[in-house]
Amino acid sequence: MLMIEQQHMIIIFNSLHRVMLAELRLQSSYPLTLMPVPRSLSADCGMVLRIDAPDYSGVVDQLTAEGLGPFSVYRLAGVDFELVGEFS
């Protein structure tokens, strides 16, 4: 089972196509995992990208530069998720 821990952030896109394209574009530069959306969050596509928190700025910059918005980034805060940012 894939887990989300305190050192991770998750990125939610509005379509499966976008999340898969983002995975393709990012996988050579960052360690990431494609996984089902956590039950406490909802997403149209049902899949999210899990990234390491230290990679947050670089990932957001690359996704924005490549026009892969809109997307939202969340982090684990206790047992719930906290919105870190929404990008278009």
Protein backbone atom coordinates (compact mmCIF):
# COMPACT_ATOMS: atom_id res chain seq x y z
CA MET A 1 0.00 0.00 0.00
CA LEU A 2 1.34 3.42 -0.93
CA MET A 3 1.46 5.77 1.99
CA ILE A 4 1.56 9.52 2.30
CA GLU A 5 3.81 10.68 5.10
CA GLN A 6 4.81 14.05 6.51
CA GLN A 7 7.70 14.42 4.04
CA HIS A 8 5.34 14.10 1.06
CA MET A 9 3.03 16.46 -0.81
CA ILE A 10 0.34 15.47 -3.28
CA ILE A 11 -0.62 17.21 -6.49
CA ILE A 12 -4.19 16.98 -7.77
CA PHE A 13 -5.10 17.74 -11.38
CA ASN A 14 -8.53 18.14 -12.98
CA SER A 15 -8.12 15.23 -15.41
CA LEU A 16 -6.38 11.90 -15.72
CA HIS A 17 -4.73 13.11 -18.92
CA ARG A 18 -3.05 16.00 -17.09
CA VAL A 19 -1.81 13.90 -14.17
CA MET A 20 -0.30 11.34 -16.55
CA LEU A 21 1.30 14.04 -18.69
CA ALA A 22 2.73 15.67 -15.57
CA GLU A 23 4.14 12.31 -14.45
CA LEU A 24 5.80 11.88 -17.84
CA ARG A 25 7.32 15.37 -17.79
CA LEU A 26 8.53 15.21 -14.15
CA GLN A 27 9.73 11.63 -13.75
CA SER A 28 13.22 12.21 -15.12
CA SER A 29 13.84 15.13 -12.75
CA TYR A 30 12.06 14.18 -9.51
CA PRO A 31 11.20 11.05 -7.56
CA LEU A 32 7.42 10.79 -7.65
CA THR A 33 4.62 8.26 -7.42
CA LEU A 34 1.30 8.09 -9.27
CA MET A 35 -1.33 6.89 -6.81
CA PRO A 36 -5.08 6.95 -6.11
CA VAL A 37 -6.49 10.11 -4.59
CA PRO A 38 -6.76 9.88 -0.79
CA ARG A 39 -10.32 9.25 0.35
CA SER A 40 -10.46 12.47 2.38
CA LEU A 41 -9.89 14.53 -0.80
CA SER A 42 -11.82 14.47 -4.02
CA ALA A 43 -10.49 14.78 -7.53
CA ASP A 44 -12.15 14.48 -10.90
CA CYS A 45 -9.53 12.09 -12.20
CA GLY A 46 -9.05 9.88 -9.14
CA MET A 47 -5.23 9.91 -9.32
CA VAL A 48 -2.61 12.17 -7.75
CA LEU A 49 1.15 12.60 -7.89
CA ARG A 50 3.04 12.16 -4.63
CA ILE A 51 6.26 14.18 -4.42
CA ASP A 52 8.86 14.79 -1.75
CA ALA A 53 8.29 18.09 0.05
CA PRO A 54 11.81 19.45 -0.69
CA ASP A 55 11.01 19.19 -4.42
CA TYR A 56 7.86 21.33 -4.11
CA SER A 57 9.18 24.60 -5.57
CA GLY A 58 10.94 22.97 -8.52
CA VAL A 59 7.93 20.80 -9.35
CA VAL A 60 5.51 23.75 -9.23
CA ASP A 61 7.87 25.87 -11.35
CA GLN A 62 8.21 23.13 -13.98
CA LEU A 63 4.48 22.35 -14.13
CA THR A 64 3.64 26.05 -14.44
CA ALA A 65 6.30 26.64 -17.11
CA GLU A 66 4.96 23.71 -19.14
CA GLY A 67 1.37 24.94 -18.91
CA LEU A 68 0.14 21.91 -16.99
CA GLY A 69 -2.29 23.79 -14.74
CA PRO A 70 -4.66 23.89 -13.13
CA PHE A 71 -3.47 21.86 -10.18
CA SER A 72 -3.61 21.97 -6.39
CA VAL A 73 -0.96 20.91 -3.89
CA TYR A 74 -1.73 19.44 -0.48
CA ARG A 75 0.33 18.25 2.46
CA LEU A 76 -0.51 16.04 5.38
CA ALA A 77 -1.28 18.02 8.54
CA GLY A 78 -1.86 15.52 11.31
CA VAL A 79 -4.46 13.13 9.93
CA ASP A 80 -6.01 15.61 7.48
CA PHE A 81 -4.77 17.31 4.35
CA GLU A 82 -4.01 21.02 4.14
CA LEU A 83 -4.13 23.01 0.90
CA VAL A 84 -0.69 24.46 0.16
CA GLY A 85 -1.55 26.19 -3.10
CA GLU A 86 -3.66 26.30 -6.23
CA PHE A 87 -1.99 27.02 -9.55
CA SER A 88 -3.28 27.69 -13.04
